[in-house]
Amino acid sequence: MSRQNSILIVEDEPLIADDIAATLSENGYGISGLVDNATDALTKLSASPTDLVLLDIQIKGSKDGIKLAHEVRSQFKLPFIFLTSFYDQGTI
């Protein structure tokens, strides 16, 4: 039996994080965790097998999702997908 794909969700809006997790679970994906900041994300990645990280660009704490993405790539060699509700030119 193969291991279910596991996704870490980094999102600081609890309702959005829960909705994403529910949708992914309903479609057969495993959730390795829901966190709202970079520190917790890095801790979770060190502790739990993860195949993909969904990263909100604007998260709690001093490190945003873009800075966290650099660490995810360099430390864990994992793919990630950015999520954001911002559509201003600076963010894009």
PDB file of N, CA and C in Angstrom:
ATOM      1  N   MET A   1       0.848  -1.178   0.000  1.00  0.00           N
ATOM      2  CA  MET A   1       0.000   0.000   0.000  1.00  0.00           C
ATOM      3  C   MET A   1       0.891   1.239   0.000  1.00  0.00           C
ATOM      4  N   SER A   2       0.657   2.159  -0.921  1.00  0.00           N
ATOM      5  CA  SER A   2       1.482   3.358  -1.008  1.00  0.00           C
ATOM      6  C   SER A   2       0.980   4.437  -0.048  1.00  0.00           C
ATOM      7  N   ARG A   3       1.917   5.293   0.347  1.00  0.00           N
ATOM      8  CA  ARG A   3       1.592   6.391   1.253  1.00  0.00           C
ATOM      9  C   ARG A   3       0.795   7.447   0.503  1.00  0.00           C
ATOM     10  N   GLN A   4      -0.208   7.983   1.160  1.00  0.00           N
ATOM     11  CA  GLN A   4      -1.046   9.032   0.595  1.00  0.00           C
ATOM     12  C   GLN A   4      -0.232  10.321   0.467  1.00  0.00           C
ATOM     13  N   ASN A   5      -0.398  11.062  -0.640  1.00  0.00           N
ATOM     14  CA  ASN A   5       0.272  12.353  -0.776  1.00  0.00           C
ATOM     15  C   ASN A   5      -0.089  13.241   0.395  1.00  0.00           C
ATOM     16  N   SER A   6       0.900  13.952   0.903  1.00  0.00           N
ATOM     17  CA  SER A   6       0.695  14.761   2.092  1.00  0.00           C
ATOM     18  C   SER A   6       1.053  16.216   1.811  1.00  0.00           C
ATOM     19  N   ILE A   7       0.169  17.119   2.215  1.00  0.00           N
ATOM     20  CA  ILE A   7       0.310  18.538   1.922  1.00  0.00           C
ATOM     21  C   ILE A   7       0.298  19.341   3.218  1.00  0.00           C
ATOM     22  N   LEU A   8       1.267  20.240   3.341  1.00  0.00           N
ATOM     23  CA  LEU A   8       1.298  21.182   4.452  1.00  0.00           C
ATOM     24  C   LEU A   8       0.660  22.476   3.982  1.00  0.00           C
ATOM     25  N   ILE A   9      -0.290  22.990   4.755  1.00  0.00           N
ATOM     26  CA  ILE A   9      -0.985  24.234   4.423  1.00  0.00           C
ATOM     27  C   ILE A   9      -0.485  25.323   5.364  1.00  0.00           C
ATOM     28  N   VAL A  10       0.084  26.380   4.770  1.00  0.00           N
ATOM     29  CA  VAL A  10       0.575  27.526   5.543  1.00  0.00           C
ATOM     30  C   VAL A  10      -0.337  28.698   5.192  1.00  0.00           C
ATOM     31  N   GLU A  11      -1.282  28.969   6.077  1.00  0.00           N
ATOM     32  CA  GLU A  11      -2.327  29.975   5.833  1.00  0.00           C
ATOM     33  C   GLU A  11      -2.729  30.573   7.171  1.00  0.00           C
ATOM     34  N   ASP A  12      -2.742  31.907   7.260  1.00  0.00           N
ATOM     35  CA  ASP A  12      -3.044  32.541   8.548  1.00  0.00           C
ATOM     36  C   ASP A  12      -4.517  32.885   8.754  1.00  0.00           C
ATOM     37  N   GLU A  13      -5.365  32.573   7.810  1.00  0.00           N
ATOM     38  CA  GLU A  13      -6.812  32.746   7.977  1.00  0.00           C
ATOM     39  C   GLU A  13      -7.413  31.367   8.267  1.00  0.00           C
ATOM     40  N   PRO A  14      -7.833  31.109   9.514  1.00  0.00           N
ATOM     41  CA  PRO A  14      -8.297  29.770   9.891  1.00  0.00           C
ATOM     42  C   PRO A  14      -9.424  29.209   9.028  1.00  0.00           C
ATOM     43  N   LEU A  15     -10.396  30.030   8.673  1.00  0.00           N
ATOM     44  CA  LEU A  15     -11.503  29.514   7.845  1.00  0.00           C
ATOM     45  C   LEU A  15     -11.018  29.085   6.464  1.00  0.00           C
ATOM     46  N   ILE A  16     -10.102  29.851   5.899  1.00  0.00           N
ATOM     47  CA  ILE A  16      -9.558  29.500   4.588  1.00  0.00           C
ATOM     48  C   ILE A  16      -8.728  28.229   4.694  1.00  0.00           C
ATOM     49  N   ALA A  17      -7.884  28.142   5.725  1.00  0.00           N
ATOM     50  CA  ALA A  17      -7.061  26.946   5.923  1.00  0.00           C
ATOM     51  C   ALA A  17      -7.925  25.701   6.085  1.00  0.00           C
ATOM     52  N   ASP A  18      -8.972  25.807   6.888  1.00  0.00           N
ATOM     53  CA  ASP A  18      -9.878  24.666   7.092  1.00  0.00           C
ATOM     54  C   ASP A  18     -10.590  24.273   5.802  1.00  0.00           C
ATOM     55  N   ASP A  19     -11.006  25.256   5.021  1.00  0.00           N
ATOM     56  CA  ASP A  19     -11.684  24.978   3.755  1.00  0.00           C
ATOM     57  C   ASP A  19     -10.746  24.287   2.764  1.00  0.00           C
ATOM     58  N   ILE A  20      -9.519  24.767   2.669  1.00  0.00           N
ATOM     59  CA  ILE A  20      -8.537  24.136   1.783  1.00  0.00           C
ATOM     60  C   ILE A  20      -8.293  22.696   2.223  1.00  0.00           C
ATOM     61  N   ALA A  21      -8.099  22.495   3.529  1.00  0.00           N
ATOM     62  CA  ALA A  21      -7.843  21.157   4.052  1.00  0.00           C
ATOM     63  C   ALA A  21      -9.014  20.215   3.777  1.00  0.00           C
ATOM     64  N   ALA A  22     -10.225  20.695   3.982  1.00  0.00           N
ATOM     65  CA  ALA A  22     -11.410  19.856   3.732  1.00  0.00           C
ATOM     66  C   ALA A  22     -11.515  19.478   2.260  1.00  0.00           C
ATOM     67  N   THR A  23     -11.289  20.432   1.385  1.00  0.00           N
ATOM     68  CA  THR A  23     -11.373  20.175  -0.055  1.00  0.00           C
ATOM     69  C   THR A  23     -10.316  19.167  -0.490  1.00  0.00           C
ATOM     70  N   LEU A  24      -9.102  19.339  -0.006  1.00  0.00           N
ATOM     71  CA  LEU A  24      -8.045  18.394  -0.360  1.00  0.00           C
ATOM     72  C   LEU A  24      -8.346  17.001   0.186  1.00  0.00           C
ATOM     73  N   SER A  25      -8.788  16.929   1.434  1.00  0.00           N
ATOM     74  CA  SER A  25      -9.116  15.636   2.034  1.00  0.00           C
ATOM     75  C   SER A  25     -10.222  14.920   1.271  1.00  0.00           C
ATOM     76  N   GLU A  26     -11.242  15.672   0.881  1.00  0.00           N
ATOM     77  CA  GLU A  26     -12.354  15.095   0.111  1.00  0.00           C
ATOM     78  C   GLU A  26     -11.886  14.539  -1.230  1.00  0.00           C
ATOM     79  N   ASN A  27     -10.763  15.038  -1.715  1.00  0.00           N
ATOM     80  CA  ASN A  27     -10.232  14.594  -3.003  1.00  0.00           C
ATOM     81  C   ASN A  27      -9.052  13.636  -2.859  1.00  0.00           C
ATOM     82  N   GLY A  28      -8.902  13.067  -1.664  1.00  0.00           N
ATOM     83  CA  GLY A  28      -7.944  11.990  -1.457  1.00  0.00           C
ATOM     84  C   GLY A  28      -6.545  12.388  -1.050  1.00  0.00           C
ATOM     85  N   TYR A  29      -6.317  13.642  -0.721  1.00  0.00           N
ATOM     86  CA  TYR A  29      -4.987  14.076  -0.299  1.00  0.00           C
ATOM     87  C   TYR A  29      -4.881  14.069   1.220  1.00  0.00           C
ATOM     88  N   GLY A  30      -3.713  13.742   1.707  1.00  0.00           N
ATOM     89  CA  GLY A  30      -3.450  13.807   3.133  1.00  0.00           C
ATOM     90  C   GLY A  30      -2.966  15.196   3.504  1.00  0.00           C
ATOM     91  N   ILE A  31      -3.239  15.583   4.720  1.00  0.00           N
ATOM     92  CA  ILE A  31      -2.817  16.888   5.225  1.00  0.00           C
ATOM     93  C   ILE A  31      -1.786  16.635   6.327  1.00  0.00           C
ATOM     94  N   SER A  32      -0.562  17.110   6.115  1.00  0.00           N
ATOM     95  CA  SER A  32       0.467  16.912   7.141  1.00  0.00           C
ATOM     96  C   SER A  32       0.367  17.957   8.240  1.00  0.00           C
ATOM     97  N   GLY A  33      -0.358  19.042   7.973  1.00  0.00           N
ATOM     98  CA  GLY A  33      -0.552  20.048   9.003  1.00  0.00           C
ATOM     99  C   GLY A  33      -1.124  21.332   8.459  1.00  0.00           C
ATOM    100  N   LEU A  34      -1.640  22.141   9.375  1.00  0.00           N
ATOM    101  CA  LEU A  34      -2.110  23.496   9.085  1.00  0.00           C
ATOM    102  C   LEU A  34      -1.375  24.410  10.053  1.00  0.00           C
ATOM    103  N   VAL A  35      -0.619  25.353   9.520  1.00  0.00           N
ATOM    104  CA  VAL A  35       0.126  26.295  10.353  1.00  0.00           C
ATOM    105  C   VAL A  35      -0.075  27.697   9.811  1.00  0.00           C
ATOM    106  N   ASP A  36       0.202  28.696  10.656  1.00  0.00           N
ATOM    107  CA  ASP A  36      -0.043  30.077  10.230  1.00  0.00           C
ATOM    108  C   ASP A  36       1.201  30.956  10.213  1.00  0.00           C
ATOM    109  N   ASN A  37       2.387  30.335  10.394  1.00  0.00           N
ATOM    110  CA  ASN A  37       3.612  31.136  10.394  1.00  0.00           C
ATOM    111  C   ASN A  37       4.798  30.273   9.959  1.00  0.00           C
ATOM    112  N   ALA A  38       5.904  30.946   9.621  1.00  0.00           N
ATOM    113  CA  ALA A  38       7.075  30.258   9.088  1.00  0.00           C
ATOM    114  C   ALA A  38       7.742  29.341  10.111  1.00  0.00           C
ATOM    115  N   THR A  39       7.825  29.786  11.352  1.00  0.00           N
ATOM    116  CA  THR A  39       8.476  28.979  12.387  1.00  0.00           C
ATOM    117  C   THR A  39       7.777  27.639  12.554  1.00  0.00           C
ATOM    118  N   ASP A  40       6.455  27.671  12.662  1.00  0.00           N
ATOM    119  CA  ASP A  40       5.695  26.424  12.812  1.00  0.00           C
ATOM    120  C   ASP A  40       5.780  25.576  11.546  1.00  0.00           C
ATOM    121  N   ALA A  41       5.823  26.216  10.392  1.00  0.00           N
ATOM    122  CA  ALA A  41       5.934  25.475   9.131  1.00  0.00           C
ATOM    123  C   ALA A  41       7.249  24.703   9.078  1.00  0.00           C
ATOM    124  N   LEU A  42       8.345  25.349   9.431  1.00  0.00           N
ATOM    125  CA  LEU A  42       9.647  24.685   9.405  1.00  0.00           C
ATOM    126  C   LEU A  42       9.710  23.550  10.427  1.00  0.00           C
ATOM    127  N   THR A  43       9.113  23.754  11.585  1.00  0.00           N
ATOM    128  CA  THR A  43       9.058  22.699  12.601  1.00  0.00           C
ATOM    129  C   THR A  43       8.264  21.504  12.084  1.00  0.00           C
ATOM    130  N   LYS A  44       7.107  21.781  11.487  1.00  0.00           N
ATOM    131  CA  LYS A  44       6.256  20.706  10.966  1.00  0.00           C
ATOM    132  C   LYS A  44       6.956  19.947   9.835  1.00  0.00           C
ATOM    133  N   LEU A  45       7.645  20.677   8.957  1.00  0.00           N
ATOM    134  CA  LEU A  45       8.356  20.025   7.854  1.00  0.00           C
ATOM    135  C   LEU A  45       9.467  19.113   8.363  1.00  0.00           C
ATOM    136  N   SER A  46      10.094  19.490   9.460  1.00  0.00           N
ATOM    137  CA  SER A  46      11.147  18.655  10.044  1.00  0.00           C
ATOM    138  C   SER A  46      10.585  17.391  10.677  1.00  0.00           C
ATOM    139  N   ALA A  47       9.327  17.448  11.116  1.00  0.00           N
ATOM    140  CA  ALA A  47       8.741  16.341  11.876  1.00  0.00           C
ATOM    141  C   ALA A  47       7.836  15.418  11.074  1.00  0.00           C
ATOM    142  N   SER A  48       7.256  15.914   9.983  1.00  0.00           N
ATOM    143  CA  SER A  48       6.238  15.147   9.267  1.00  0.00           C
ATOM    144  C   SER A  48       6.580  14.997   7.798  1.00  0.00           C
ATOM    145  N   PRO A  49       6.423  13.787   7.244  1.00  0.00           N
ATOM    146  CA  PRO A  49       6.637  13.627   5.804  1.00  0.00           C
ATOM    147  C   PRO A  49       5.653  14.515   5.032  1.00  0.00           C
ATOM    148  N   THR A  50       6.164  15.272   4.100  1.00  0.00           N
ATOM    149  CA  THR A  50       5.338  16.190   3.318  1.00  0.00           C
ATOM    150  C   THR A  50       5.789  16.133   1.871  1.00  0.00           C
ATOM    151  N   ASP A  51       4.831  16.171   0.952  1.00  0.00           N
ATOM    152  CA  ASP A  51       5.131  16.111  -0.477  1.00  0.00           C
ATOM    153  C   ASP A  51       5.011  17.466  -1.164  1.00  0.00           C
ATOM    154  N   LEU A  52       4.194  18.359  -0.599  1.00  0.00           N
ATOM    155  CA  LEU A  52       3.908  19.651  -1.221  1.00  0.00           C
ATOM    156  C   LEU A  52       3.538  20.644  -0.129  1.00  0.00           C
ATOM    157  N   VAL A  53       3.911  21.910  -0.324  1.00  0.00           N
ATOM    158  CA  VAL A  53       3.551  22.957   0.628  1.00  0.00           C
ATOM    159  C   VAL A  53       2.710  24.005  -0.092  1.00  0.00           C
ATOM    160  N   LEU A  54       1.545  24.314   0.459  1.00  0.00           N
ATOM    161  CA  LEU A  54       0.727  25.424  -0.036  1.00  0.00           C
ATOM    162  C   LEU A  54       1.036  26.622   0.850  1.00  0.00           C
ATOM    163  N   LEU A  55       1.566  27.678   0.259  1.00  0.00           N
ATOM    164  CA  LEU A  55       2.055  28.832   1.017  1.00  0.00           C
ATOM    165  C   LEU A  55       1.258  30.086   0.721  1.00  0.00           C
ATOM    166  N   ASP A  56       0.631  30.615   1.744  1.00  0.00           N
ATOM    167  CA  ASP A  56       0.057  31.954   1.631  1.00  0.00           C
ATOM    168  C   ASP A  56       1.228  32.924   1.618  1.00  0.00           C
ATOM    169  N   ILE A  57       1.167  33.959   0.814  1.00  0.00           N
ATOM    170  CA  ILE A  57       2.262  34.924   0.746  1.00  0.00           C
ATOM    171  C   ILE A  57       2.307  35.790   1.998  1.00  0.00           C
ATOM    172  N   GLN A  58       1.153  36.217   2.482  1.00  0.00           N
ATOM    173  CA  GLN A  58       1.089  37.048   3.689  1.00  0.00           C
ATOM    174  C   GLN A  58       0.699  36.165   4.865  1.00  0.00           C
ATOM    175  N   ILE A  59       1.683  35.856   5.733  1.00  0.00           N
ATOM    176  CA  ILE A  59       1.419  35.016   6.902  1.00  0.00           C
ATOM    177  C   ILE A  59       1.872  35.751   8.163  1.00  0.00           C
ATOM    178  N   LYS A  60       1.487  35.211   9.304  1.00  0.00           N
ATOM    179  CA  LYS A  60       1.861  35.815  10.589  1.00  0.00           C
ATOM    180  C   LYS A  60       3.364  35.704  10.813  1.00  0.00           C
ATOM    181  N   GLY A  61       3.885  36.627  11.599  1.00  0.00           N
ATOM    182  CA  GLY A  61       5.294  36.576  11.957  1.00  0.00           C
ATOM    183  C   GLY A  61       6.147  37.493  11.099  1.00  0.00           C
ATOM    184  N   SER A  62       7.433  37.442  11.360  1.00  0.00           N
ATOM    185  CA  SER A  62       8.364  38.340  10.680  1.00  0.00           C
ATOM    186  C   SER A  62       8.776  37.850   9.296  1.00  0.00           C
ATOM    187  N   LYS A  63       8.527  36.587   8.995  1.00  0.00           N
ATOM    188  CA  LYS A  63       8.911  36.007   7.713  1.00  0.00           C
ATOM    189  C   LYS A  63       7.662  35.757   6.876  1.00  0.00           C
ATOM    190  N   ASP A  64       7.617  36.316   5.659  1.00  0.00           N
ATOM    191  CA  ASP A  64       6.458  36.098   4.794  1.00  0.00           C
ATOM    192  C   ASP A  64       6.600  34.778   4.028  1.00  0.00           C
ATOM    193  N   GLY A  65       5.579  34.452   3.250  1.00  0.00           N
ATOM    194  CA  GLY A  65       5.574  33.198   2.512  1.00  0.00           C
ATOM    195  C   GLY A  65       6.654  33.101   1.462  1.00  0.00           C
ATOM    196  N   ILE A  66       7.059  34.223   0.898  1.00  0.00           N
ATOM    197  CA  ILE A  66       8.112  34.205  -0.124  1.00  0.00           C
ATOM    198  C   ILE A  66       9.451  33.840   0.510  1.00  0.00           C
ATOM    199  N   LYS A  67       9.759  34.429   1.656  1.00  0.00           N
ATOM    200  CA  LYS A  67      10.996  34.072   2.357  1.00  0.00           C
ATOM    201  C   LYS A  67      10.951  32.614   2.810  1.00  0.00           C
ATOM    202  N   LEU A  68       9.788  32.192   3.281  1.00  0.00           N
ATOM    203  CA  LEU A  68       9.634  30.802   3.695  1.00  0.00           C
ATOM    204  C   LEU A  68       9.835  29.855   2.511  1.00  0.00           C
ATOM    205  N   ALA A  69       9.361  30.226   1.341  1.00  0.00           N
ATOM    206  CA  ALA A  69       9.513  29.385   0.148  1.00  0.00           C
ATOM    207  C   ALA A  69      10.981  29.109  -0.153  1.00  0.00           C
ATOM    208  N   HIS A  70      11.834  30.104   0.034  1.00  0.00           N
ATOM    209  CA  HIS A  70      13.266  29.910  -0.189  1.00  0.00           C
ATOM    210  C   HIS A  70      13.821  28.845   0.752  1.00  0.00           C
ATOM    211  N   GLU A  71      13.372  28.868   2.004  1.00  0.00           N
ATOM    212  CA  GLU A  71      13.827  27.871   2.967  1.00  0.00           C
ATOM    213  C   GLU A  71      13.262  26.488   2.673  1.00  0.00           C
ATOM    214  N   VAL A  72      12.002  26.439   2.265  1.00  0.00           N
ATOM    215  CA  VAL A  72      11.378  25.161   1.904  1.00  0.00           C
ATOM    216  C   VAL A  72      12.167  24.511   0.771  1.00  0.00           C
ATOM    217  N   ARG A  73      12.524  25.316  -0.211  1.00  0.00           N
ATOM    218  CA  ARG A  73      13.260  24.784  -1.359  1.00  0.00           C
ATOM    219  C   ARG A  73      14.684  24.384  -0.964  1.00  0.00           C
ATOM    220  N   SER A  74      15.391  25.240  -0.243  1.00  0.00           N
ATOM    221  CA  SER A  74      16.800  24.959   0.053  1.00  0.00           C
ATOM    222  C   SER A  74      16.980  23.875   1.121  1.00  0.00           C
ATOM    223  N   GLN A  75      16.161  23.889   2.174  1.00  0.00           N
ATOM    224  CA  GLN A  75      16.333  22.926   3.262  1.00  0.00           C
ATOM    225  C   GLN A  75      15.666  21.584   3.007  1.00  0.00           C
ATOM    226  N   PHE A  76      14.498  21.620   2.369  1.00  0.00           N
ATOM    227  CA  PHE A  76      13.698  20.393   2.255  1.00  0.00           C
ATOM    228  C   PHE A  76      13.530  19.888   0.828  1.00  0.00           C
ATOM    229  N   LYS A  77      13.937  20.696  -0.152  1.00  0.00           N
ATOM    230  CA  LYS A  77      13.846  20.306  -1.567  1.00  0.00           C
ATOM    231  C   LYS A  77      12.419  19.909  -1.954  1.00  0.00           C
ATOM    232  N   LEU A  78      11.447  20.666  -1.439  1.00  0.00           N
ATOM    233  CA  LEU A  78      10.037  20.364  -1.688  1.00  0.00           C
ATOM    234  C   LEU A  78       9.424  21.370  -2.658  1.00  0.00           C
ATOM    235  N   PRO A  79       8.473  20.912  -3.450  1.00  0.00           N
ATOM    236  CA  PRO A  79       7.724  21.857  -4.281  1.00  0.00           C
ATOM    237  C   PRO A  79       6.720  22.623  -3.425  1.00  0.00           C
ATOM    238  N   PHE A  80       6.354  23.806  -3.889  1.00  0.00           N
ATOM    239  CA  PHE A  80       5.373  24.617  -3.185  1.00  0.00           C
ATOM    240  C   PHE A  80       4.525  25.364  -4.200  1.00  0.00           C
ATOM    241  N   ILE A  81       3.362  25.780  -3.745  1.00  0.00           N
ATOM    242  CA  ILE A  81       2.449  26.599  -4.543  1.00  0.00           C
ATOM    243  C   ILE A  81       2.069  27.791  -3.694  1.00  0.00           C
ATOM    244  N   PHE A  82       2.206  28.992  -4.263  1.00  0.00           N
ATOM    245  CA  PHE A  82       1.804  30.193  -3.543  1.00  0.00           C
ATOM    246  C   PHE A  82       0.297  30.380  -3.622  1.00  0.00           C
ATOM    247  N   LEU A  83      -0.282  30.828  -2.513  1.00  0.00           N
ATOM    248  CA  LEU A  83      -1.687  31.214  -2.438  1.00  0.00           C
ATOM    249  C   LEU A  83      -1.741  32.658  -1.963  1.00  0.00           C
ATOM    250  N   THR A  84      -2.630  33.440  -2.517  1.00  0.00           N
ATOM    251  CA  THR A  84      -2.805  34.799  -2.024  1.00  0.00           C
ATOM    252  C   THR A  84      -4.119  35.369  -2.523  1.00  0.00           C
ATOM    253  N   SER A  85      -4.671  36.262  -1.736  1.00  0.00           N
ATOM    254  CA  SER A  85      -5.854  36.987  -2.190  1.00  0.00           C
ATOM    255  C   SER A  85      -5.444  38.369  -2.690  1.00  0.00           C
ATOM    256  N   PHE A  86      -4.147  38.676  -2.581  1.00  0.00           N
ATOM    257  CA  PHE A  86      -3.640  39.965  -3.046  1.00  0.00           C
ATOM    258  C   PHE A  86      -3.393  39.905  -4.545  1.00  0.00           C
ATOM    259  N   TYR A  87      -3.768  40.939  -5.235  1.00  0.00           N
ATOM    260  CA  TYR A  87      -3.550  40.953  -6.687  1.00  0.00           C
ATOM    261  C   TYR A  87      -2.898  42.248  -7.152  1.00  0.00           C
ATOM    262  N   ASP A  88      -2.278  42.961  -6.220  1.00  0.00           N
ATOM    263  CA  ASP A  88      -1.585  44.187  -6.602  1.00  0.00           C
ATOM    264  C   ASP A  88      -0.294  43.839  -7.345  1.00  0.00           C
ATOM    265  N   GLN A  89       0.220  44.765  -8.116  1.00  0.00           N
ATOM    266  CA  GLN A  89       1.389  44.529  -8.937  1.00  0.00           C
ATOM    267  C   GLN A  89       2.615  44.134  -8.113  1.00  0.00           C
ATOM    268  N   GLY A  90       2.791  44.746  -6.951  1.00  0.00           N
ATOM    269  CA  GLY A  90       3.929  44.431  -6.098  1.00  0.00           C
ATOM    270  C   GLY A  90       3.936  42.975  -5.654  1.00  0.00           C
ATOM    271  N   THR A  91       2.780  42.441  -5.305  1.00  0.00           N
ATOM    272  CA  THR A  91       2.687  41.057  -4.874  1.00  0.00           C
ATOM    273  C   THR A  91       2.921  40.103  -6.044  1.00  0.00           C
ATOM    274  N   ILE A  92       2.292  40.430  -7.164  1.00  0.00           N
ATOM    275  CA  ILE A  92       2.421  39.567  -8.334  1.00  0.00           C
ATOM    276  C   ILE A  92       3.836  39.595  -8.862  1.00  0.00           C
TER     277      ILE A  92
END
